[in-house]
Amino acid sequence: MPPIRSQCSQKRVEQEAAAVFDVPRSTLSARLNGITYRAETRANSHKLTVFEEESLYNWILSLDDRGAAPRPRTVREAADLLLKARGSTPPITVGEKWVENFVKRHPDLSTRFSRSYDYRRAQCEDEKAILMWFNFVKATIE
C-alpha cells in the first residue's frame, strides 16, 4: 500500500503548506494540479486567438500611424476575414458588439466618432485667416 501512504502524506504536506501561507488547501491543491487562476485564463467566448487579436491590434495601430484609423465596421470585417481564413464550415463571424468589446480589452485603442466638420471651425484653421487675425491684433496693440 505505498501509493495510499504517499497520497496521504501528499495531502498532509499540502495542508501544512496551506496553513503556513494562509491559503485554502483546495486552492493550493488546484494550483499544484495545473489549474490556472481564473483572472489569468482566457474566456471561452473569445472567437479570435491571442495571436489573431494581437495581429489585429498591431494592424489598427499601423493604420493609425499612417493617418488612416479604421472604422469599427472595417475592424469587424478584418476580424471576420481572420476567422474565414481558418476554413471552418460554416464560417464563424464576430458579433455586432465585438469591436466595442475589443476596444475595452485594449484601452489604448479609442474610437472617434465621425461628425460633420463645422465650416466656421474650418475657417479658423485656414492659414490666411489666422495671419489676418494676428495682423489685426498687432495693429490694435500698436
N, C-alpha and C. Protein backbone atom coordinates (compact mmCIF):
# COMPACT_ATOMS: atom_id res chain seq x y z
N MET A 1 0.79 -1.21 0.00
CA MET A 1 0.00 0.00 0.00
C MET A 1 0.84 1.28 0.00
N PRO A 2 1.98 1.30 -0.59
CA PRO A 2 2.77 2.52 -0.63
C PRO A 2 2.08 3.68 -1.35
N PRO A 3 1.34 3.45 -2.46
CA PRO A 3 0.70 4.59 -3.12
C PRO A 3 -0.29 5.32 -2.22
N ILE A 4 -1.04 4.58 -1.39
CA ILE A 4 -2.00 5.23 -0.50
C ILE A 4 -1.27 6.08 0.53
N ARG A 5 -0.18 5.56 1.07
CA ARG A 5 0.59 6.36 2.04
C ARG A 5 1.13 7.62 1.39
N SER A 6 1.62 7.51 0.16
CA SER A 6 2.17 8.70 -0.48
C SER A 6 1.07 9.73 -0.74
N GLN A 7 -0.14 9.26 -1.05
CA GLN A 7 -1.24 10.19 -1.24
C GLN A 7 -1.59 10.88 0.07
N CYS A 8 -1.61 10.12 1.16
CA CYS A 8 -1.92 10.71 2.47
C CYS A 8 -0.83 11.70 2.88
N SER A 9 0.41 11.33 2.66
CA SER A 9 1.49 12.24 3.04
C SER A 9 1.47 13.48 2.15
N GLN A 10 1.09 13.31 0.88
CA GLN A 10 0.98 14.46 -0.03
C GLN A 10 -0.10 15.42 0.47
N LYS A 11 -1.25 14.88 0.89
CA LYS A 11 -2.32 15.73 1.43
C LYS A 11 -1.86 16.45 2.68
N ARG A 12 -1.12 15.76 3.53
CA ARG A 12 -0.64 16.36 4.77
C ARG A 12 0.32 17.51 4.45
N VAL A 13 1.20 17.30 3.50
CA VAL A 13 2.15 18.35 3.09
C VAL A 13 1.38 19.55 2.54
N GLU A 14 0.36 19.29 1.72
CA GLU A 14 -0.46 20.37 1.18
C GLU A 14 -1.16 21.13 2.30
N GLN A 15 -1.71 20.41 3.28
CA GLN A 15 -2.40 21.06 4.40
C GLN A 15 -1.43 21.94 5.19
N GLU A 16 -0.23 21.43 5.43
CA GLU A 16 0.75 22.21 6.19
C GLU A 16 1.19 23.44 5.41
N ALA A 17 1.43 23.29 4.12
CA ALA A 17 1.84 24.42 3.29
C ALA A 17 0.72 25.46 3.21
N ALA A 18 -0.52 24.99 3.10
CA ALA A 18 -1.65 25.91 3.05
C ALA A 18 -1.77 26.68 4.35
N ALA A 19 -1.52 26.02 5.47
CA ALA A 19 -1.59 26.69 6.77
C ALA A 19 -0.47 27.72 6.90
N VAL A 20 0.72 27.37 6.44
CA VAL A 20 1.86 28.30 6.53
C VAL A 20 1.62 29.55 5.70
N PHE A 21 1.09 29.38 4.49
CA PHE A 21 0.89 30.52 3.59
C PHE A 21 -0.51 31.13 3.69
N ASP A 22 -1.32 30.61 4.60
CA ASP A 22 -2.66 31.13 4.86
C ASP A 22 -3.52 31.19 3.58
N VAL A 23 -3.55 30.08 2.85
CA VAL A 23 -4.42 29.95 1.68
C VAL A 23 -5.24 28.69 1.85
N PRO A 24 -6.42 28.63 1.24
CA PRO A 24 -7.21 27.41 1.33
C PRO A 24 -6.47 26.23 0.70
N ARG A 25 -6.60 25.06 1.31
CA ARG A 25 -5.93 23.88 0.79
C ARG A 25 -6.42 23.53 -0.61
N SER A 26 -7.70 23.77 -0.87
CA SER A 26 -8.25 23.46 -2.20
C SER A 26 -7.59 24.33 -3.28
N THR A 27 -7.31 25.59 -2.94
CA THR A 27 -6.65 26.48 -3.89
C THR A 27 -5.24 25.99 -4.18
N LEU A 28 -4.52 25.66 -3.13
CA LEU A 28 -3.15 25.16 -3.29
C LEU A 28 -3.14 23.86 -4.08
N SER A 29 -4.07 22.98 -3.79
CA SER A 29 -4.16 21.71 -4.50
C SER A 29 -4.46 21.93 -5.98
N ALA A 30 -5.35 22.87 -6.27
CA ALA A 30 -5.69 23.17 -7.66
C ALA A 30 -4.47 23.70 -8.42
N ARG A 31 -3.71 24.59 -7.80
CA ARG A 31 -2.50 25.13 -8.44
C ARG A 31 -1.47 24.03 -8.70
N LEU A 32 -1.34 23.11 -7.72
CA LEU A 32 -0.39 22.01 -7.89
C LEU A 32 -0.82 21.07 -9.01
N ASN A 33 -2.13 20.98 -9.24
CA ASN A 33 -2.65 20.11 -10.31
C ASN A 33 -2.71 20.82 -11.66
N GLY A 34 -2.21 22.05 -11.72
CA GLY A 34 -2.12 22.75 -13.00
C GLY A 34 -3.30 23.61 -13.38
N ILE A 35 -4.26 23.79 -12.49
CA ILE A 35 -5.40 24.64 -12.80
C ILE A 35 -4.96 26.09 -12.62
N THR A 36 -5.22 26.92 -13.64
CA THR A 36 -4.75 28.30 -13.59
C THR A 36 -5.74 29.19 -12.85
N TYR A 37 -5.23 30.31 -12.40
CA TYR A 37 -6.01 31.31 -11.69
C TYR A 37 -7.06 31.87 -12.65
N ARG A 38 -8.27 32.05 -12.18
CA ARG A 38 -9.38 32.43 -13.05
C ARG A 38 -9.14 33.75 -13.77
N ALA A 39 -8.55 34.72 -13.08
CA ALA A 39 -8.32 36.02 -13.70
C ALA A 39 -7.29 35.93 -14.84
N GLU A 40 -6.46 34.90 -14.81
CA GLU A 40 -5.43 34.76 -15.84
C GLU A 40 -5.88 33.91 -17.02
N THR A 41 -7.02 33.27 -16.90
CA THR A 41 -7.49 32.42 -18.00
C THR A 41 -8.24 33.25 -19.03
N ARG A 42 -8.23 32.80 -20.24
CA ARG A 42 -8.92 33.48 -21.34
C ARG A 42 -10.32 32.88 -21.44
N ALA A 43 -11.30 33.75 -21.57
CA ALA A 43 -12.69 33.29 -21.62
C ALA A 43 -12.93 32.43 -22.87
N ASN A 44 -13.84 31.50 -22.75
CA ASN A 44 -14.17 30.63 -23.88
C ASN A 44 -14.90 31.39 -24.98
N SER A 45 -15.45 32.55 -24.65
CA SER A 45 -16.26 33.27 -25.61
C SER A 45 -15.42 34.04 -26.64
N HIS A 46 -14.10 34.07 -26.48
CA HIS A 46 -13.27 34.78 -27.45
C HIS A 46 -13.19 33.96 -28.74
N LYS A 47 -13.54 34.61 -29.84
CA LYS A 47 -13.53 33.89 -31.11
C LYS A 47 -12.15 33.89 -31.74
N LEU A 48 -11.38 34.97 -31.54
CA LEU A 48 -10.04 35.04 -32.09
C LEU A 48 -9.02 34.53 -31.08
N THR A 49 -7.95 33.97 -31.57
CA THR A 49 -6.88 33.54 -30.68
C THR A 49 -6.10 34.77 -30.21
N VAL A 50 -5.24 34.58 -29.23
CA VAL A 50 -4.43 35.68 -28.72
C VAL A 50 -3.57 36.25 -29.85
N PHE A 51 -2.98 35.38 -30.66
CA PHE A 51 -2.13 35.83 -31.77
C PHE A 51 -2.94 36.63 -32.79
N GLU A 52 -4.16 36.17 -33.11
CA GLU A 52 -5.00 36.88 -34.08
C GLU A 52 -5.41 38.25 -33.55
N GLU A 53 -5.77 38.32 -32.26
CA GLU A 53 -6.13 39.61 -31.68
C GLU A 53 -4.93 40.55 -31.67
N GLU A 54 -3.77 40.01 -31.36
CA GLU A 54 -2.56 40.83 -31.32
C GLU A 54 -2.21 41.36 -32.70
N SER A 55 -2.35 40.54 -33.72
CA SER A 55 -2.06 41.00 -35.08
C SER A 55 -3.08 42.04 -35.53
N LEU A 56 -4.34 41.86 -35.17
CA LEU A 56 -5.37 42.85 -35.50
C LEU A 56 -5.09 44.16 -34.79
N TYR A 57 -4.70 44.08 -33.52
CA TYR A 57 -4.34 45.27 -32.73
C TYR A 57 -3.18 46.02 -33.39
N ASN A 58 -2.14 45.30 -33.79
CA ASN A 58 -0.99 45.93 -34.44
C ASN A 58 -1.37 46.53 -35.78
N TRP A 59 -2.27 45.88 -36.50
CA TRP A 59 -2.75 46.40 -37.78
C TRP A 59 -3.48 47.73 -37.58
N ILE A 60 -4.31 47.81 -36.55
CA ILE A 60 -5.05 49.04 -36.26
C ILE A 60 -4.08 50.17 -35.93
N LEU A 61 -3.09 49.88 -35.07
CA LEU A 61 -2.10 50.90 -34.72
C LEU A 61 -1.28 51.33 -35.94
N SER A 62 -0.97 50.38 -36.81
CA SER A 62 -0.22 50.69 -38.03
C SER A 62 -1.02 51.64 -38.93
N LEU A 63 -2.29 51.34 -39.10
CA LEU A 63 -3.14 52.23 -39.90
C LEU A 63 -3.25 53.61 -39.26
N ASP A 64 -3.38 53.64 -37.94
CA ASP A 64 -3.50 54.91 -37.23
C ASP A 64 -2.23 55.74 -37.38
N ASP A 65 -1.07 55.10 -37.33
CA ASP A 65 0.19 55.82 -37.51
C ASP A 65 0.29 56.45 -38.89
N ARG A 66 -0.35 55.82 -39.86
CA ARG A 66 -0.33 56.35 -41.22
C ARG A 66 -1.47 57.33 -41.47
N GLY A 67 -2.25 57.63 -40.42
CA GLY A 67 -3.32 58.61 -40.54
C GLY A 67 -4.60 58.06 -41.13
N ALA A 68 -4.78 56.78 -41.11
CA ALA A 68 -5.99 56.17 -41.68
C ALA A 68 -6.60 55.20 -40.69
N ALA A 69 -6.96 55.68 -39.52
CA ALA A 69 -7.54 54.82 -38.49
C ALA A 69 -8.82 54.18 -39.02
N PRO A 70 -8.95 52.87 -38.86
CA PRO A 70 -10.13 52.19 -39.41
C PRO A 70 -11.39 52.45 -38.60
N ARG A 71 -12.50 52.36 -39.29
CA ARG A 71 -13.80 52.47 -38.62
C ARG A 71 -14.13 51.13 -37.98
N PRO A 72 -15.06 51.13 -37.02
CA PRO A 72 -15.45 49.86 -36.39
C PRO A 72 -15.88 48.79 -37.39
N ARG A 73 -16.57 49.20 -38.43
CA ARG A 73 -17.02 48.23 -39.43
C ARG A 73 -15.82 47.57 -40.13
N THR A 74 -14.78 48.36 -40.40
CA THR A 74 -13.59 47.82 -41.05
C THR A 74 -12.88 46.82 -40.15
N VAL A 75 -12.83 47.13 -38.85
CA VAL A 75 -12.19 46.23 -37.88
C VAL A 75 -12.98 44.93 -37.81
N ARG A 76 -14.31 45.02 -37.79
CA ARG A 76 -15.15 43.83 -37.75
C ARG A 76 -14.93 42.97 -39.00
N GLU A 77 -14.84 43.62 -40.17
CA GLU A 77 -14.61 42.88 -41.41
C GLU A 77 -13.24 42.20 -41.40
N ALA A 78 -12.23 42.88 -40.84
CA ALA A 78 -10.89 42.28 -40.75
C ALA A 78 -10.91 41.06 -39.82
N ALA A 79 -11.64 41.17 -38.71
CA ALA A 79 -11.75 40.04 -37.79
C ALA A 79 -12.48 38.88 -38.46
N ASP A 80 -13.51 39.19 -39.22
CA ASP A 80 -14.23 38.13 -39.95
C ASP A 80 -13.33 37.46 -40.99
N LEU A 81 -12.45 38.24 -41.63
CA LEU A 81 -11.51 37.66 -42.58
C LEU A 81 -10.54 36.70 -41.90
N LEU A 82 -10.09 37.08 -40.70
CA LEU A 82 -9.20 36.19 -39.94
C LEU A 82 -9.91 34.88 -39.60
N LEU A 83 -11.18 34.99 -39.22
CA LEU A 83 -11.95 33.78 -38.90
C LEU A 83 -12.22 32.95 -40.15
N LYS A 84 -12.48 33.63 -41.26
CA LYS A 84 -12.75 32.92 -42.51
C LYS A 84 -11.51 32.17 -42.99
N ALA A 85 -10.32 32.72 -42.70
CA ALA A 85 -9.07 32.09 -43.13
C ALA A 85 -8.84 30.75 -42.44
N ARG A 86 -9.50 30.53 -41.33
CA ARG A 86 -9.39 29.24 -40.63
C ARG A 86 -10.01 28.11 -41.42
N GLY A 87 -11.00 28.46 -42.25
CA GLY A 87 -11.63 27.45 -43.10
C GLY A 87 -12.72 26.65 -42.42
N SER A 88 -13.31 27.16 -41.36
CA SER A 88 -14.38 26.42 -40.68
C SER A 88 -15.67 26.50 -41.51
N THR A 89 -16.47 25.46 -41.42
CA THR A 89 -17.73 25.43 -42.15
C THR A 89 -18.86 25.25 -41.17
N PRO A 90 -19.86 26.09 -41.11
CA PRO A 90 -19.97 27.37 -41.79
C PRO A 90 -19.00 28.39 -41.19
N PRO A 91 -18.66 29.43 -41.95
CA PRO A 91 -17.68 30.40 -41.44
C PRO A 91 -18.21 31.14 -40.21
N ILE A 92 -17.34 31.28 -39.23
CA ILE A 92 -17.69 31.98 -37.99
C ILE A 92 -17.51 33.47 -38.23
N THR A 93 -18.37 34.27 -37.63
CA THR A 93 -18.22 35.73 -37.70
C THR A 93 -18.30 36.30 -36.30
N VAL A 94 -17.76 37.50 -36.15
CA VAL A 94 -17.84 38.17 -34.85
C VAL A 94 -19.18 38.87 -34.75
N GLY A 95 -19.59 39.18 -33.53
CA GLY A 95 -20.89 39.80 -33.31
C GLY A 95 -20.89 41.30 -33.52
N GLU A 96 -22.07 41.88 -33.36
CA GLU A 96 -22.25 43.31 -33.56
C GLU A 96 -21.43 44.15 -32.58
N LYS A 97 -21.34 43.70 -31.34
CA LYS A 97 -20.64 44.47 -30.31
C LYS A 97 -19.20 44.00 -30.10
N TRP A 98 -18.71 43.15 -30.98
CA TRP A 98 -17.38 42.59 -30.81
C TRP A 98 -16.31 43.68 -30.82
N VAL A 99 -16.43 44.63 -31.74
CA VAL A 99 -15.43 45.70 -31.84
C VAL A 99 -15.43 46.54 -30.57
N GLU A 100 -16.61 46.83 -30.05
CA GLU A 100 -16.72 47.60 -28.81
C GLU A 100 -16.02 46.87 -27.67
N ASN A 101 -16.23 45.57 -27.56
CA ASN A 101 -15.57 44.78 -26.51
C ASN A 101 -14.07 44.67 -26.75
N PHE A 102 -13.66 44.60 -28.01
CA PHE A 102 -12.24 44.55 -28.36
C PHE A 102 -11.55 45.83 -27.89
N VAL A 103 -12.19 46.96 -28.11
CA VAL A 103 -11.62 48.24 -27.68
C VAL A 103 -11.55 48.30 -26.16
N LYS A 104 -12.53 47.73 -25.47
CA LYS A 104 -12.50 47.69 -24.00
C LYS A 104 -11.35 46.82 -23.50
N ARG A 105 -11.05 45.74 -24.22
CA ARG A 105 -9.93 44.87 -23.83
C ARG A 105 -8.58 45.52 -24.10
N HIS A 106 -8.55 46.47 -25.00
CA HIS A 106 -7.31 47.18 -25.36
C HIS A 106 -7.54 48.67 -25.12
N PRO A 107 -7.36 49.14 -23.88
CA PRO A 107 -7.72 50.51 -23.52
C PRO A 107 -6.96 51.59 -24.28
N ASP A 108 -5.77 51.29 -24.82
CA ASP A 108 -5.05 52.33 -25.54
C ASP A 108 -5.63 52.56 -26.93
N LEU A 109 -6.55 51.72 -27.36
CA LEU A 109 -7.30 52.00 -28.58
C LEU A 109 -8.52 52.81 -28.18
N SER A 110 -8.84 53.78 -28.95
CA SER A 110 -10.07 54.52 -28.65
C SER A 110 -10.77 54.80 -29.97
N THR A 111 -12.05 54.88 -29.90
CA THR A 111 -12.81 55.15 -31.12
C THR A 111 -13.18 56.62 -31.16
N ARG A 112 -13.11 57.13 -32.34
CA ARG A 112 -13.50 58.52 -32.54
C ARG A 112 -14.68 58.50 -33.50
N PHE A 113 -15.76 59.04 -33.05
CA PHE A 113 -16.95 59.04 -33.89
C PHE A 113 -16.87 60.21 -34.85
N SER A 114 -17.11 59.92 -36.10
CA SER A 114 -17.03 60.99 -37.09
C SER A 114 -18.25 61.90 -36.94
N ARG A 115 -18.00 63.15 -37.12
CA ARG A 115 -19.08 64.13 -37.06
C ARG A 115 -18.82 65.17 -38.14
N SER A 116 -19.85 65.91 -38.48
CA SER A 116 -19.69 66.90 -39.54
C SER A 116 -18.71 67.98 -39.10
N TYR A 117 -17.93 68.45 -40.04
CA TYR A 117 -16.90 69.44 -39.76
C TYR A 117 -17.52 70.82 -39.90
N ASP A 118 -17.49 71.60 -38.85
CA ASP A 118 -18.10 72.92 -38.82
C ASP A 118 -17.34 73.86 -39.75
N TYR A 119 -18.07 74.56 -40.62
CA TYR A 119 -17.44 75.46 -41.59
C TYR A 119 -16.67 76.57 -40.89
N ARG A 120 -17.25 77.15 -39.82
CA ARG A 120 -16.55 78.22 -39.10
C ARG A 120 -15.26 77.71 -38.48
N ARG A 121 -15.28 76.48 -38.01
CA ARG A 121 -14.07 75.90 -37.43
C ARG A 121 -13.01 75.69 -38.52
N ALA A 122 -13.44 75.27 -39.69
CA ALA A 122 -12.51 75.08 -40.80
C ALA A 122 -11.88 76.40 -41.20
N GLN A 123 -12.66 77.48 -41.15
CA GLN A 123 -12.11 78.79 -41.47
C GLN A 123 -11.03 79.19 -40.47
N CYS A 124 -11.21 78.83 -39.22
CA CYS A 124 -10.24 79.17 -38.18
C CYS A 124 -8.91 78.44 -38.39
N GLU A 125 -8.94 77.36 -39.11
CA GLU A 125 -7.71 76.62 -39.36
C GLU A 125 -7.04 77.04 -40.66
N ASP A 126 -7.65 77.98 -41.37
CA ASP A 126 -7.07 78.49 -42.60
C ASP A 126 -5.89 79.41 -42.26
N GLU A 127 -4.75 79.16 -42.91
CA GLU A 127 -3.54 79.93 -42.59
C GLU A 127 -3.72 81.41 -42.87
N LYS A 128 -4.39 81.76 -43.97
CA LYS A 128 -4.62 83.17 -44.30
C LYS A 128 -5.49 83.85 -43.24
N ALA A 129 -6.53 83.15 -42.79
CA ALA A 129 -7.41 83.71 -41.77
C ALA A 129 -6.66 83.91 -40.46
N ILE A 130 -5.78 82.98 -40.11
CA ILE A 130 -5.01 83.11 -38.87
C ILE A 130 -4.05 84.29 -38.97
N LEU A 131 -3.36 84.43 -40.12
CA LEU A 131 -2.45 85.56 -40.31
C LEU A 131 -3.19 86.89 -40.26
N MET A 132 -4.38 86.93 -40.87
CA MET A 132 -5.19 88.16 -40.82
C MET A 132 -5.54 88.50 -39.38
N TRP A 133 -5.90 87.48 -38.58
CA TRP A 133 -6.26 87.71 -37.18
C TRP A 133 -5.08 88.28 -36.40
N PHE A 134 -3.91 87.68 -36.54
CA PHE A 134 -2.75 88.17 -35.80
C PHE A 134 -2.31 89.54 -36.29
N ASN A 135 -2.45 89.83 -37.57
CA ASN A 135 -2.15 91.18 -38.07
C ASN A 135 -3.13 92.18 -37.47
N PHE A 136 -4.40 91.79 -37.35
CA PHE A 136 -5.40 92.66 -36.74
C PHE A 136 -5.06 92.92 -35.27
N VAL A 137 -4.68 91.88 -34.54
CA VAL A 137 -4.32 92.02 -33.13
C VAL A 137 -3.09 92.91 -33.01
N LYS A 138 -2.10 92.72 -33.88
CA LYS A 138 -0.88 93.52 -33.85
C LYS A 138 -1.20 94.99 -34.12
N ALA A 139 -2.07 95.24 -35.10
CA ALA A 139 -2.45 96.61 -35.43
C ALA A 139 -3.22 97.25 -34.27
N THR A 140 -4.03 96.48 -33.59
CA THR A 140 -4.80 97.00 -32.46
C THR A 140 -3.88 97.38 -31.31
N ILE A 141 -2.87 96.56 -31.06
CA ILE A 141 -1.94 96.82 -29.96
C ILE A 141 -1.10 98.06 -30.26
N GLU A 142 -0.68 98.21 -31.51
CA GLU A 142 0.17 99.35 -31.88
C GLU A 142 -0.68 100.56 -31.99
